[in-house]
């Protein structure tokens, strides 16, 4: 069972409690009011791209780094071949 954070609408008390996902919100332990709700536990940020901003996508950055490392590897291979000769 996950642990959820609840808030009372009447007295604004916050508390954490283990509960099954389908359970109804419990009553407030401070004032015993039934008007409680589950507080969202994760915050999600959405990065919206505007025309003035140039935001690179992670896939593009990854591809660039792979290409840079391939070039470095090729140079290192050439140097190793020259040293063997």
PDB file of N, CA and C in Angstrom:
ATOM      1  N   UNK A   1       0.831  -1.179   0.000  1.00  0.00           N
ATOM      2  CA  UNK A   1       0.000   0.000   0.000  1.00  0.00           C
ATOM      3  C   UNK A   1       0.882   1.251   0.000  1.00  0.00           C
ATOM      4  N   UNK A   2       0.545   2.206  -0.835  1.00  0.00           N
ATOM      5  CA  UNK A   2       1.313   3.456  -0.862  1.00  0.00           C
ATOM      6  C   UNK A   2       0.917   4.401   0.277  1.00  0.00           C
ATOM      7  N   UNK A   3       1.814   5.319   0.538  1.00  0.00           N
ATOM      8  CA  UNK A   3       1.576   6.323   1.577  1.00  0.00           C
ATOM      9  C   UNK A   3       1.143   7.610   0.885  1.00  0.00           C
ATOM     10  N   UNK A   4       0.003   8.148   1.291  1.00  0.00           N
ATOM     11  CA  UNK A   4      -0.532   9.358   0.685  1.00  0.00           C
ATOM     12  C   UNK A   4      -0.548  10.507   1.692  1.00  0.00           C
ATOM     13  N   UNK A   5      -0.499  11.718   1.173  1.00  0.00           N
ATOM     14  CA  UNK A   5      -0.646  12.917   1.993  1.00  0.00           C
ATOM     15  C   UNK A   5      -2.053  13.450   1.764  1.00  0.00           C
ATOM     16  N   UNK A   6      -2.745  13.720   2.849  1.00  0.00           N
ATOM     17  CA  UNK A   6      -4.105  14.233   2.787  1.00  0.00           C
ATOM     18  C   UNK A   6      -4.167  15.617   3.424  1.00  0.00           C
ATOM     19  N   UNK A   7      -5.170  16.403   3.005  1.00  0.00           N
ATOM     20  CA  UNK A   7      -5.381  17.721   3.574  1.00  0.00           C
ATOM     21  C   UNK A   7      -6.867  17.890   3.887  1.00  0.00           C
ATOM     22  N   UNK A   8      -7.127  18.488   5.029  1.00  0.00           N
ATOM     23  CA  UNK A   8      -8.502  18.752   5.444  1.00  0.00           C
ATOM     24  C   UNK A   8      -8.942  20.104   4.885  1.00  0.00           C
ATOM     25  N   UNK A   9     -10.135  20.155   4.312  1.00  0.00           N
ATOM     26  CA  UNK A   9     -10.663  21.415   3.783  1.00  0.00           C
ATOM     27  C   UNK A   9     -11.178  22.328   4.899  1.00  0.00           C
ATOM     28  N   UNK A  10     -11.519  21.754   6.027  1.00  0.00           N
ATOM     29  CA  UNK A  10     -12.082  22.534   7.119  1.00  0.00           C
ATOM     30  C   UNK A  10     -10.982  23.196   7.958  1.00  0.00           C
ATOM     31  N   UNK A  11     -10.024  22.411   8.480  1.00  0.00           N
ATOM     32  CA  UNK A  11      -8.995  22.976   9.364  1.00  0.00           C
ATOM     33  C   UNK A  11      -7.619  23.072   8.696  1.00  0.00           C
ATOM     34  N   UNK A  12      -7.505  22.644   7.439  1.00  0.00           N
ATOM     35  CA  UNK A  12      -6.267  22.683   6.649  1.00  0.00           C
ATOM     36  C   UNK A  12      -5.129  21.864   7.270  1.00  0.00           C
ATOM     37  N   UNK A  13      -5.487  20.852   8.034  1.00  0.00           N
ATOM     38  CA  UNK A  13      -4.510  19.938   8.617  1.00  0.00           C
ATOM     39  C   UNK A  13      -3.931  19.041   7.523  1.00  0.00           C
ATOM     40  N   UNK A  14      -2.614  18.821   7.551  1.00  0.00           N
ATOM     41  CA  UNK A  14      -1.943  17.907   6.621  1.00  0.00           C
ATOM     42  C   UNK A  14      -1.459  16.699   7.394  1.00  0.00           C
ATOM     43  N   UNK A  15      -1.640  15.511   6.831  1.00  0.00           N
ATOM     44  CA  UNK A  15      -1.117  14.296   7.451  1.00  0.00           C
ATOM     45  C   UNK A  15      -0.876  13.240   6.381  1.00  0.00           C
ATOM     46  N   UNK A  16      -0.035  12.273   6.711  1.00  0.00           N
ATOM     47  CA  UNK A  16       0.276  11.168   5.807  1.00  0.00           C
ATOM     48  C   UNK A  16      -0.339   9.898   6.367  1.00  0.00           C
ATOM     49  N   UNK A  17      -0.780   9.055   5.440  1.00  0.00           N
ATOM     50  CA  UNK A  17      -1.443   7.825   5.867  1.00  0.00           C
ATOM     51  C   UNK A  17      -1.285   6.770   4.784  1.00  0.00           C
ATOM     52  N   UNK A  18      -1.069   5.516   5.201  1.00  0.00           N
ATOM     53  CA  UNK A  18      -1.024   4.403   4.262  1.00  0.00           C
ATOM     54  C   UNK A  18      -2.445   4.085   3.846  1.00  0.00           C
ATOM     55  N   UNK A  19      -2.676   3.893   2.547  1.00  0.00           N
ATOM     56  CA  UNK A  19      -4.025   3.594   2.069  1.00  0.00           C
ATOM     57  C   UNK A  19      -3.937   2.859   0.745  1.00  0.00           C
ATOM     58  N   UNK A  20      -4.935   2.067   0.475  1.00  0.00           N
ATOM     59  CA  UNK A  20      -5.026   1.401  -0.822  1.00  0.00           C
ATOM     60  C   UNK A  20      -5.436   2.434  -1.861  1.00  0.00           C
ATOM     61  N   UNK A  21      -5.103   2.160  -3.123  1.00  0.00           N
ATOM     62  CA  UNK A  21      -5.362   3.145  -4.172  1.00  0.00           C
ATOM     63  C   UNK A  21      -6.838   3.477  -4.333  1.00  0.00           C
ATOM     64  N   UNK A  22      -7.725   2.548  -4.138  1.00  0.00           N
ATOM     65  CA  UNK A  22      -9.148   2.795  -4.350  1.00  0.00           C
ATOM     66  C   UNK A  22      -9.903   3.260  -3.124  1.00  0.00           C
ATOM     67  N   UNK A  23      -9.219   3.389  -1.994  1.00  0.00           N
ATOM     68  CA  UNK A  23      -9.895   3.801  -0.763  1.00  0.00           C
ATOM     69  C   UNK A  23     -10.421   5.230  -0.857  1.00  0.00           C
ATOM     70  N   UNK A  24     -11.536   5.480  -0.159  1.00  0.00           N
ATOM     71  CA  UNK A  24     -12.063   6.843  -0.045  1.00  0.00           C
ATOM     72  C   UNK A  24     -11.153   7.645   0.875  1.00  0.00           C
ATOM     73  N   UNK A  25     -11.096   8.969   0.692  1.00  0.00           N
ATOM     74  CA  UNK A  25     -10.265   9.789   1.594  1.00  0.00           C
ATOM     75  C   UNK A  25     -10.735   9.627   3.037  1.00  0.00           C
ATOM     76  N   UNK A  26      -9.798   9.492   3.980  1.00  0.00           N
ATOM     77  CA  UNK A  26     -10.189   9.316   5.385  1.00  0.00           C
ATOM     78  C   UNK A  26     -10.662  10.631   5.999  1.00  0.00           C
ATOM     79  N   UNK A  27     -11.293  10.531   7.146  1.00  0.00           N
ATOM     80  CA  UNK A  27     -11.697  11.753   7.850  1.00  0.00           C
ATOM     81  C   UNK A  27     -10.470  12.343   8.536  1.00  0.00           C
ATOM     82  N   UNK A  28     -10.515  13.631   8.800  1.00  0.00           N
ATOM     83  CA  UNK A  28      -9.387  14.353   9.390  1.00  0.00           C
ATOM     84  C   UNK A  28      -9.152  13.875  10.820  1.00  0.00           C
ATOM     85  N   UNK A  29      -7.911  13.542  11.181  1.00  0.00           N
ATOM     86  CA  UNK A  29      -7.640  13.119  12.553  1.00  0.00           C
ATOM     87  C   UNK A  29      -7.713  14.274  13.563  1.00  0.00           C
ATOM     88  N   UNK A  30      -7.591  15.514  13.107  1.00  0.00           N
ATOM     89  CA  UNK A  30      -7.618  16.664  14.019  1.00  0.00           C
ATOM     90  C   UNK A  30      -9.042  17.104  14.354  1.00  0.00           C
ATOM     91  N   UNK A  31      -9.873  17.278  13.310  1.00  0.00           N
ATOM     92  CA  UNK A  31     -11.225  17.799  13.558  1.00  0.00           C
ATOM     93  C   UNK A  31     -12.326  16.797  13.186  1.00  0.00           C
ATOM     94  N   UNK A  32     -11.931  15.636  12.675  1.00  0.00           N
ATOM     95  CA  UNK A  32     -12.840  14.554  12.288  1.00  0.00           C
ATOM     96  C   UNK A  32     -13.798  14.934  11.162  1.00  0.00           C
ATOM     97  N   UNK A  33     -13.449  15.957  10.390  1.00  0.00           N
ATOM     98  CA  UNK A  33     -14.280  16.346   9.241  1.00  0.00           C
ATOM     99  C   UNK A  33     -14.068  15.342   8.114  1.00  0.00           C
ATOM    100  N   UNK A  34     -15.107  15.127   7.343  1.00  0.00           N
ATOM    101  CA  UNK A  34     -15.028  14.186   6.232  1.00  0.00           C
ATOM    102  C   UNK A  34     -14.586  14.863   4.939  1.00  0.00           C
ATOM    103  N   UNK A  35     -14.434  16.160   4.966  1.00  0.00           N
ATOM    104  CA  UNK A  35     -14.067  16.901   3.754  1.00  0.00           C
ATOM    105  C   UNK A  35     -12.542  16.984   3.614  1.00  0.00           C
ATOM    106  N   UNK A  36     -11.953  15.872   3.159  1.00  0.00           N
ATOM    107  CA  UNK A  36     -10.508  15.810   2.949  1.00  0.00           C
ATOM    108  C   UNK A  36     -10.225  15.425   1.507  1.00  0.00           C
ATOM    109  N   UNK A  37      -9.004  15.699   1.071  1.00  0.00           N
ATOM    110  CA  UNK A  37      -8.614  15.289  -0.271  1.00  0.00           C
ATOM    111  C   UNK A  37      -7.139  14.897  -0.287  1.00  0.00           C
ATOM    112  N   UNK A  38      -6.796  14.102  -1.294  1.00  0.00           N
ATOM    113  CA  UNK A  38      -5.431  13.635  -1.452  1.00  0.00           C
ATOM    114  C   UNK A  38      -4.598  14.721  -2.125  1.00  0.00           C
ATOM    115  N   UNK A  39      -3.467  15.073  -1.518  1.00  0.00           N
ATOM    116  CA  UNK A  39      -2.572  16.101  -2.055  1.00  0.00           C
ATOM    117  C   UNK A  39      -1.687  15.451  -3.122  1.00  0.00           C
ATOM    118  N   UNK A  40      -1.573  16.047  -4.306  1.00  0.00           N
ATOM    119  CA  UNK A  40      -0.686  15.480  -5.328  1.00  0.00           C
ATOM    120  C   UNK A  40       0.743  15.391  -4.794  1.00  0.00           C
ATOM    121  N   UNK A  41       1.389  14.252  -5.053  1.00  0.00           N
ATOM    122  CA  UNK A  41       2.716  14.046  -4.495  1.00  0.00           C
ATOM    123  C   UNK A  41       3.844  14.319  -5.480  1.00  0.00           C
ATOM    124  N   UNK A  42       3.540  14.488  -6.747  1.00  0.00           N
ATOM    125  CA  UNK A  42       4.567  14.777  -7.746  1.00  0.00           C
ATOM    126  C   UNK A  42       4.215  16.066  -8.477  1.00  0.00           C
ATOM    127  N   UNK A  43       5.240  16.852  -8.740  1.00  0.00           N
ATOM    128  CA  UNK A  43       5.048  18.084  -9.489  1.00  0.00           C
ATOM    129  C   UNK A  43       5.671  17.889 -10.864  1.00  0.00           C
ATOM    130  N   UNK A  44       4.930  18.183 -11.890  1.00  0.00           N
ATOM    131  CA  UNK A  44       5.429  18.033 -13.243  1.00  0.00           C
ATOM    132  C   UNK A  44       5.612  19.407 -13.872  1.00  0.00           C
ATOM    133  N   UNK A  45       6.745  19.608 -14.517  1.00  0.00           N
ATOM    134  CA  UNK A  45       7.007  20.859 -15.202  1.00  0.00           C
ATOM    135  C   UNK A  45       6.933  20.606 -16.701  1.00  0.00           C
ATOM    136  N   UNK A  46       6.262  21.480 -17.395  1.00  0.00           N
ATOM    137  CA  UNK A  46       6.158  21.377 -18.838  1.00  0.00           C
ATOM    138  C   UNK A  46       6.952  22.528 -19.432  1.00  0.00           C
ATOM    139  N   UNK A  47       7.941  22.195 -20.239  1.00  0.00           N
ATOM    140  CA  UNK A  47       8.769  23.209 -20.878  1.00  0.00           C
ATOM    141  C   UNK A  47       8.191  23.459 -22.265  1.00  0.00           C
ATOM    142  N   UNK A  48       7.557  24.580 -22.443  1.00  0.00           N
ATOM    143  CA  UNK A  48       6.975  24.913 -23.741  1.00  0.00           C
ATOM    144  C   UNK A  48       7.990  25.706 -24.542  1.00  0.00           C
ATOM    145  N   UNK A  49       8.195  25.274 -25.746  1.00  0.00           N
ATOM    146  CA  UNK A  49       9.178  25.893 -26.626  1.00  0.00           C
ATOM    147  C   UNK A  49       8.541  27.087 -27.339  1.00  0.00           C
ATOM    148  N   UNK A  50       9.223  28.215 -27.315  1.00  0.00           N
ATOM    149  CA  UNK A  50       8.728  29.383 -28.031  1.00  0.00           C
ATOM    150  C   UNK A  50       9.611  29.620 -29.250  1.00  0.00           C
ATOM    151  N   UNK A  51       9.166  30.472 -30.148  1.00  0.00           N
ATOM    152  CA  UNK A  51       9.928  30.732 -31.368  1.00  0.00           C
ATOM    153  C   UNK A  51      11.262  31.418 -31.075  1.00  0.00           C
ATOM    154  N   UNK A  52      11.308  32.231 -30.040  1.00  0.00           N
ATOM    155  CA  UNK A  52      12.538  32.965 -29.741  1.00  0.00           C
ATOM    156  C   UNK A  52      13.571  32.069 -29.060  1.00  0.00           C
ATOM    157  N   UNK A  53      13.116  31.005 -28.425  1.00  0.00           N
ATOM    158  CA  UNK A  53      14.047  30.111 -27.751  1.00  0.00           C
ATOM    159  C   UNK A  53      14.380  28.936 -28.650  1.00  0.00           C
ATOM    160  N   UNK A  54      15.643  28.542 -28.639  1.00  0.00           N
ATOM    161  CA  UNK A  54      16.039  27.346 -29.367  1.00  0.00           C
ATOM    162  C   UNK A  54      16.389  26.283 -28.330  1.00  0.00           C
ATOM    163  N   UNK A  55      15.484  25.369 -28.143  1.00  0.00           N
ATOM    164  CA  UNK A  55      15.671  24.316 -27.159  1.00  0.00           C
ATOM    165  C   UNK A  55      15.976  23.027 -27.916  1.00  0.00           C
ATOM    166  N   UNK A  56      17.135  22.426 -27.587  1.00  0.00           N
ATOM    167  CA  UNK A  56      17.495  21.176 -28.233  1.00  0.00           C
ATOM    168  C   UNK A  56      16.829  20.022 -27.514  1.00  0.00           C
ATOM    169  N   UNK A  57      16.396  19.078 -28.269  1.00  0.00           N
ATOM    170  CA  UNK A  57      15.797  17.897 -27.688  1.00  0.00           C
ATOM    171  C   UNK A  57      16.907  16.956 -27.242  1.00  0.00           C
ATOM    172  N   UNK A  58      16.624  16.122 -26.283  1.00  0.00           N
ATOM    173  CA  UNK A  58      17.623  15.224 -25.714  1.00  0.00           C
ATOM    174  C   UNK A  58      18.174  14.296 -26.778  1.00  0.00           C
ATOM    175  N   UNK A  59      17.352  13.818 -27.682  1.00  0.00           N
ATOM    176  CA  UNK A  59      17.823  12.942 -28.752  1.00  0.00           C
ATOM    177  C   UNK A  59      18.868  13.627 -29.621  1.00  0.00           C
ATOM    178  N   UNK A  60      18.662  14.897 -29.920  1.00  0.00           N
ATOM    179  CA  UNK A  60      19.614  15.658 -30.731  1.00  0.00           C
ATOM    180  C   UNK A  60      20.940  15.815 -30.001  1.00  0.00           C
ATOM    181  N   UNK A  61      20.890  16.135 -28.727  1.00  0.00           N
ATOM    182  CA  UNK A  61      22.106  16.294 -27.926  1.00  0.00           C
ATOM    183  C   UNK A  61      22.862  14.972 -27.863  1.00  0.00           C
ATOM    184  N   UNK A  62      22.142  13.883 -27.656  1.00  0.00           N
ATOM    185  CA  UNK A  62      22.764  12.565 -27.581  1.00  0.00           C
ATOM    186  C   UNK A  62      23.463  12.221 -28.892  1.00  0.00           C
ATOM    187  N   UNK A  63      22.796  12.456 -30.017  1.00  0.00           N
ATOM    188  CA  UNK A  63      23.402  12.172 -31.321  1.00  0.00           C
ATOM    189  C   UNK A  63      24.674  12.988 -31.532  1.00  0.00           C
ATOM    190  N   UNK A  64      24.657  14.254 -31.124  1.00  0.00           N
ATOM    191  CA  UNK A  64      25.844  15.096 -31.268  1.00  0.00           C
ATOM    192  C   UNK A  64      27.016  14.540 -30.465  1.00  0.00           C
ATOM    193  N   UNK A  65      26.760  14.124 -29.241  1.00  0.00           N
ATOM    194  CA  UNK A  65      27.821  13.572 -28.405  1.00  0.00           C
ATOM    195  C   UNK A  65      28.354  12.260 -28.970  1.00  0.00           C
ATOM    196  N   UNK A  66      27.469  11.442 -29.513  1.00  0.00           N
ATOM    197  CA  UNK A  66      27.909  10.189 -30.123  1.00  0.00           C
ATOM    198  C   UNK A  66      28.825  10.469 -31.302  1.00  0.00           C
ATOM    199  N   UNK A  67      28.457  11.408 -32.140  1.00  0.00           N
ATOM    200  CA  UNK A  67      29.291  11.755 -33.296  1.00  0.00           C
ATOM    201  C   UNK A  67      30.649  12.297 -32.861  1.00  0.00           C
ATOM    202  N   UNK A  68      30.659  13.159 -31.841  1.00  0.00           N
ATOM    203  CA  UNK A  68      31.928  13.694 -31.333  1.00  0.00           C
ATOM    204  C   UNK A  68      32.819  12.572 -30.815  1.00  0.00           C
ATOM    205  N   UNK A  69      32.234  11.631 -30.091  1.00  0.00           N
ATOM    206  CA  UNK A  69      33.018  10.518 -29.559  1.00  0.00           C
ATOM    207  C   UNK A  69      33.498   9.579 -30.662  1.00  0.00           C
ATOM    208  N   UNK A  70      32.716   9.424 -31.720  1.00  0.00           N
ATOM    209  CA  UNK A  70      33.167   8.611 -32.859  1.00  0.00           C
ATOM    210  C   UNK A  70      34.397   9.237 -33.508  1.00  0.00           C
ATOM    211  N   UNK A  71      34.368  10.555 -33.661  1.00  0.00           N
ATOM    212  CA  UNK A  71      35.519  11.248 -34.255  1.00  0.00           C
ATOM    213  C   UNK A  71      36.760  11.078 -33.375  1.00  0.00           C
ATOM    214  N   UNK A  72      36.595  11.213 -32.075  1.00  0.00           N
ATOM    215  CA  UNK A  72      37.723  11.036 -31.152  1.00  0.00           C
ATOM    216  C   UNK A  72      38.246   9.605 -31.232  1.00  0.00           C
ATOM    217  N   UNK A  73      37.356   8.640 -31.292  1.00  0.00           N
ATOM    218  CA  UNK A  73      37.748   7.241 -31.374  1.00  0.00           C
ATOM    219  C   UNK A  73      38.516   6.956 -32.661  1.00  0.00           C
ATOM    220  N   UNK A  74      38.061   7.519 -33.775  1.00  0.00           N
ATOM    221  CA  UNK A  74      38.760   7.323 -35.050  1.00  0.00           C
ATOM    222  C   UNK A  74      40.174   7.892 -34.989  1.00  0.00           C
ATOM    223  N   UNK A  75      40.324   9.072 -34.388  1.00  0.00           N
ATOM    224  CA  UNK A  75      41.656   9.670 -34.250  1.00  0.00           C
ATOM    225  C   UNK A  75      42.550   8.802 -33.383  1.00  0.00           C
ATOM    226  N   UNK A  76      41.997   8.263 -32.324  1.00  0.00           N
ATOM    227  CA  UNK A  76      42.770   7.403 -31.433  1.00  0.00           C
ATOM    228  C   UNK A  76      43.181   6.112 -32.142  1.00  0.00           C
ATOM    229  N   UNK A  77      42.305   5.565 -32.979  1.00  0.00           N
ATOM    230  CA  UNK A  77      42.633   4.357 -33.749  1.00  0.00           C
ATOM    231  C   UNK A  77      43.776   4.640 -34.718  1.00  0.00           C
ATOM    232  N   UNK A  78      43.714   5.791 -35.394  1.00  0.00           N
ATOM    233  CA  UNK A  78      44.776   6.161 -36.334  1.00  0.00           C
ATOM    234  C   UNK A  78      46.109   6.320 -35.610  1.00  0.00           C
ATOM    235  N   UNK A  79      46.091   6.949 -34.438  1.00  0.00           N
ATOM    236  CA  UNK A  79      47.318   7.124 -33.667  1.00  0.00           C
ATOM    237  C   UNK A  79      47.873   5.771 -33.220  1.00  0.00           C
ATOM    238  N   UNK A  80      47.000   4.849 -32.839  1.00  0.00           N
ATOM    239  CA  UNK A  80      47.444   3.517 -32.401  1.00  0.00           C
ATOM    240  C   UNK A  80      48.055   2.747 -33.562  1.00  0.00           C
ATOM    241  N   UNK A  81      47.492   2.889 -34.760  1.00  0.00           N
ATOM    242  CA  UNK A  81      48.046   2.215 -35.940  1.00  0.00           C
ATOM    243  C   UNK A  81      49.423   2.757 -36.271  1.00  0.00           C
ATOM    244  N   UNK A  82      49.602   4.067 -36.166  1.00  0.00           N
ATOM    245  CA  UNK A  82      50.907   4.679 -36.443  1.00  0.00           C
ATOM    246  C   UNK A  82      51.958   4.225 -35.440  1.00  0.00           C
ATOM    247  N   UNK A  83      51.570   4.061 -34.175  1.00  0.00           N
ATOM    248  CA  UNK A  83      52.510   3.618 -33.150  1.00  0.00           C
ATOM    249  C   UNK A  83      52.918   2.175 -33.365  1.00  0.00           C
ATOM    250  N   UNK A  84      52.023   1.321 -33.901  1.00  0.00           N
ATOM    251  CA  UNK A  84      52.332  -0.074 -34.162  1.00  0.00           C
ATOM    252  C   UNK A  84      53.329  -0.224 -35.312  1.00  0.00           C
ATOM    253  N   UNK A  85      53.311   0.670 -36.253  1.00  0.00           N
ATOM    254  CA  UNK A  85      54.178   0.579 -37.432  1.00  0.00           C
ATOM    255  C   UNK A  85      55.582   0.889 -37.134  1.00  0.00           C
TER     256      UNK A  85
END
